[in-house]
Amino acid sequence: MHLTDIGLAVVASPWRLSLPDPDHAKFLEVCLACGDRAHLITGNIRHYLVAARQGVSVLTPREWVNQRKGL
């Protein structure tokens, strides 16, 4: 199985809000384009200010694993 077999193609809109590291905006753009199905999993959670997330779920890897395990 390849990622192209299970992946979702999206067209993201440019990010208009400021982030501590502008290079990370592309990841939020993709999550917003995916809607509530997407989670942004990152070790740099501080780069995604809560006020700038626009409802995107931003989790650390540990938080994501715990959610999957039901902890």
Protein backbone atom coordinates (compact mmCIF):
# COMPACT_ATOMS: atom_id res chain seq x y z
CA MET A 1 0.00 0.00 0.00
CA HIS A 2 1.26 3.47 -0.87
CA LEU A 3 0.39 6.84 0.61
CA THR A 4 -1.20 7.77 -2.72
CA ASP A 5 -3.66 4.91 -2.18
CA ILE A 6 -4.97 6.33 1.10
CA GLY A 7 -4.01 10.02 0.91
CA LEU A 8 -6.29 12.97 0.35
CA ALA A 9 -5.46 15.56 -2.31
CA VAL A 10 -6.23 19.12 -1.18
CA VAL A 11 -5.80 22.62 -2.52
CA ALA A 12 -4.79 24.93 0.30
CA SER A 13 -5.35 28.67 0.49
CA PRO A 14 -2.53 31.00 1.55
CA TRP A 15 -2.28 31.62 5.29
CA ARG A 16 -3.07 35.19 6.28
CA LEU A 17 -2.20 35.18 9.98
CA SER A 18 1.23 35.59 11.49
CA LEU A 19 3.06 32.67 13.09
CA PRO A 20 6.32 32.71 15.07
CA ASP A 21 7.89 30.82 12.16
CA PRO A 22 6.19 31.73 8.84
CA ASP A 23 7.62 28.58 7.21
CA HIS A 24 5.14 26.54 9.27
CA ALA A 25 2.07 28.23 7.78
CA LYS A 26 1.86 25.69 4.94
CA PHE A 27 1.00 22.93 7.41
CA LEU A 28 -1.92 24.89 8.86
CA GLU A 29 -3.06 25.73 5.32
CA VAL A 30 -3.33 22.04 4.48
CA CYS A 31 -5.15 21.20 7.72
CA LEU A 32 -7.68 23.98 7.13
CA ALA A 33 -8.28 22.69 3.61
CA CYS A 34 -8.97 19.20 5.03
CA GLY A 35 -11.54 20.42 7.54
CA ASP A 36 -12.20 18.64 10.81
CA ARG A 37 -10.62 15.39 9.54
CA ALA A 38 -7.08 16.72 9.97
CA HIS A 39 -4.80 16.94 12.96
CA LEU A 40 -1.47 18.72 12.85
CA ILE A 41 1.04 16.55 14.70
CA THR A 42 4.22 18.41 15.62
CA GLY A 43 7.08 18.51 18.07
CA ASN A 44 7.04 22.31 17.69
CA ILE A 45 3.61 23.01 19.15
CA ARG A 46 4.78 26.45 20.34
CA HIS A 47 5.05 27.51 16.68
CA TYR A 48 1.26 27.26 16.35
CA LEU A 49 -0.29 29.87 18.60
CA VAL A 50 -3.80 28.96 19.77
CA ALA A 51 -5.19 32.25 18.45
CA ALA A 52 -3.86 31.48 14.95
CA ARG A 53 -5.09 27.87 14.66
CA GLN A 54 -8.62 28.67 13.51
CA GLY A 55 -9.97 25.46 15.00
CA VAL A 56 -7.21 23.18 13.70
CA SER A 57 -6.32 20.43 16.17
CA VAL A 58 -2.58 20.80 16.90
CA LEU A 59 -1.12 17.96 18.96
CA THR A 60 2.25 16.71 20.10
CA PRO A 61 3.09 13.16 18.99
CA ARG A 62 2.45 11.94 22.57
CA GLU A 63 -0.98 13.64 22.70
CA TRP A 64 -1.93 12.02 19.38
CA VAL A 65 -0.83 8.54 20.53
CA ASN A 66 -2.76 8.96 23.80
CA GLN A 67 -5.89 9.99 21.89
CA ARG A 68 -5.60 6.92 19.65
CA LYS A 69 -5.22 4.70 22.71
CA GLY A 70 -8.18 6.37 24.43
CA LEU A 71 -6.10 7.70 27.35
